[in-house]
Amino acid sequence: MVNKKKVDRNRQLIIALSLITLILVFGQVAVFLYFGGQGAKAAQINQTKDDLIRENKQLKTEILRQTSFSFILEQAQKAGFEQASSIVYLEGQLPMAFKNK
């Protein structure tokens, strides 16, 4: 009779330990799935950050190019502006209405 109680107790202990092990394995799988998804999100955020940094550098380069003197001069020539042959300075600052009189 003592042996049967011992066998039943051992069986119960094995079943309990098996259930605990099974729960722990499923818990680990759930944690790995959760953090695996987080890793993909982090990788996507890093990729977006790298893309934005690259685009920012391109935009800065384009701004520097379009604000350069040579580019502005070229655009002015395309629009029909010409280099001034002489410069006229206005001496007095009279309103336009008084200049005709």
Protein backbone atom coordinates (compact mmCIF):
# COMPACT_ATOMS: atom_id res chain seq x y z
CA MET A 1 0.00 0.00 0.00
CA VAL A 2 2.85 2.36 0.75
CA ASN A 3 4.32 1.68 -2.68
CA LYS A 4 1.04 2.51 -4.40
CA LYS A 5 0.81 5.85 -2.55
CA LYS A 6 4.40 6.59 -3.48
CA VAL A 7 3.75 5.74 -7.15
CA ASP A 8 0.60 7.91 -7.21
CA ARG A 9 2.48 10.77 -5.58
CA ASN A 10 5.33 10.43 -8.10
CA ARG A 11 2.83 10.39 -10.94
CA GLN A 12 1.14 13.53 -9.64
CA LEU A 13 4.52 15.19 -9.25
CA ILE A 14 5.50 14.28 -12.83
CA ILE A 15 2.18 15.58 -14.17
CA ALA A 16 2.53 18.84 -12.21
CA LEU A 17 6.12 19.35 -13.37
CA SER A 18 5.11 18.56 -16.96
CA LEU A 19 2.32 21.13 -16.80
CA ILE A 20 4.67 23.74 -15.32
CA THR A 21 7.24 23.02 -18.04
CA LEU A 22 4.57 23.25 -20.73
CA ILE A 23 3.34 26.59 -19.36
CA LEU A 24 6.90 27.94 -19.25
CA VAL A 25 7.56 26.85 -22.84
CA PHE A 26 4.38 28.54 -24.07
CA GLY A 27 5.31 31.64 -22.06
CA GLN A 28 8.72 31.76 -23.71
CA VAL A 29 7.17 31.36 -27.15
CA ALA A 30 4.75 34.21 -26.42
CA VAL A 31 7.60 36.46 -25.21
CA PHE A 32 9.72 35.64 -28.27
CA LEU A 33 6.81 36.40 -30.58
CA TYR A 34 6.12 39.70 -28.85
CA PHE A 35 9.72 40.88 -28.87
CA GLY A 36 10.27 39.53 -32.37
CA GLY A 37 7.51 41.85 -33.56
CA GLN A 38 9.09 44.71 -31.65
CA GLY A 39 12.40 44.03 -33.37
CA ALA A 40 10.76 44.30 -36.78
CA LYS A 41 9.17 47.61 -35.76
CA ALA A 42 12.53 48.89 -34.52
CA ALA A 43 14.20 47.87 -37.79
CA GLN A 44 11.49 49.66 -39.77
CA ILE A 45 11.90 52.80 -37.64
CA ASN A 46 15.67 52.71 -38.16
CA GLN A 47 15.18 52.33 -41.92
CA THR A 48 12.78 55.28 -41.97
CA LYS A 49 15.26 57.34 -39.94
CA ASP A 50 18.08 56.51 -42.37
CA ASP A 51 15.86 57.41 -45.33
CA LEU A 52 14.95 60.75 -43.74
CA ILE A 53 18.60 61.55 -42.98
CA ARG A 54 19.54 60.78 -46.59
CA GLU A 55 16.67 62.92 -47.91
CA ASN A 56 17.62 65.76 -45.55
CA LYS A 57 21.19 65.73 -46.90
CA GLN A 58 19.88 65.79 -50.48
CA LEU A 59 17.58 68.71 -49.68
CA LYS A 60 20.39 70.66 -48.02
CA THR A 61 22.56 70.10 -51.09
CA GLU A 62 19.73 71.24 -53.38
CA ILE A 63 19.15 74.36 -51.26
CA LEU A 64 22.86 75.20 -51.42
CA ARG A 65 22.86 74.71 -55.19
CA GLN A 66 19.75 76.83 -55.79
CA THR A 67 20.94 79.67 -53.57
CA SER A 68 24.40 79.85 -55.14
CA PHE A 69 25.32 82.98 -57.09
CA SER A 70 26.03 81.06 -60.30
CA PHE A 71 22.61 79.35 -60.26
CA ILE A 72 20.78 82.63 -59.55
CA LEU A 73 22.75 84.37 -62.33
CA GLU A 74 21.88 81.58 -64.76
CA GLN A 75 18.18 81.76 -63.87
CA ALA A 76 18.20 85.55 -64.24
CA GLN A 77 19.76 85.26 -67.70
CA LYS A 78 17.13 82.70 -68.70
CA ALA A 79 14.44 85.13 -67.53
CA GLY A 80 15.85 87.87 -69.75
CA PHE A 81 17.86 89.92 -67.29
CA GLU A 82 21.15 91.35 -68.51
CA GLN A 83 24.28 92.64 -66.85
CA ALA A 84 23.99 96.38 -66.22
CA SER A 85 26.30 98.51 -68.39
CA SER A 86 26.20 101.45 -66.02
CA ILE A 87 24.82 102.20 -62.61
CA VAL A 88 22.76 105.29 -61.87
CA TYR A 89 22.48 106.50 -58.30
CA LEU A 90 19.59 108.72 -57.27
CA GLU A 91 20.83 111.71 -55.30
CA GLY A 92 17.73 113.00 -53.60
CA GLN A 93 14.80 111.01 -52.48
CA LEU A 94 11.95 113.05 -53.91
CA PRO A 95 8.52 111.54 -54.39
CA MET A 96 7.76 110.65 -58.03
CA ALA A 97 5.07 113.33 -58.24
CA PHE A 98 7.65 116.11 -57.75
CA LYS A 99 10.12 114.86 -60.33
CA ASN A 100 7.90 115.71 -63.32
CA LYS A 101 7.37 119.35 -62.31
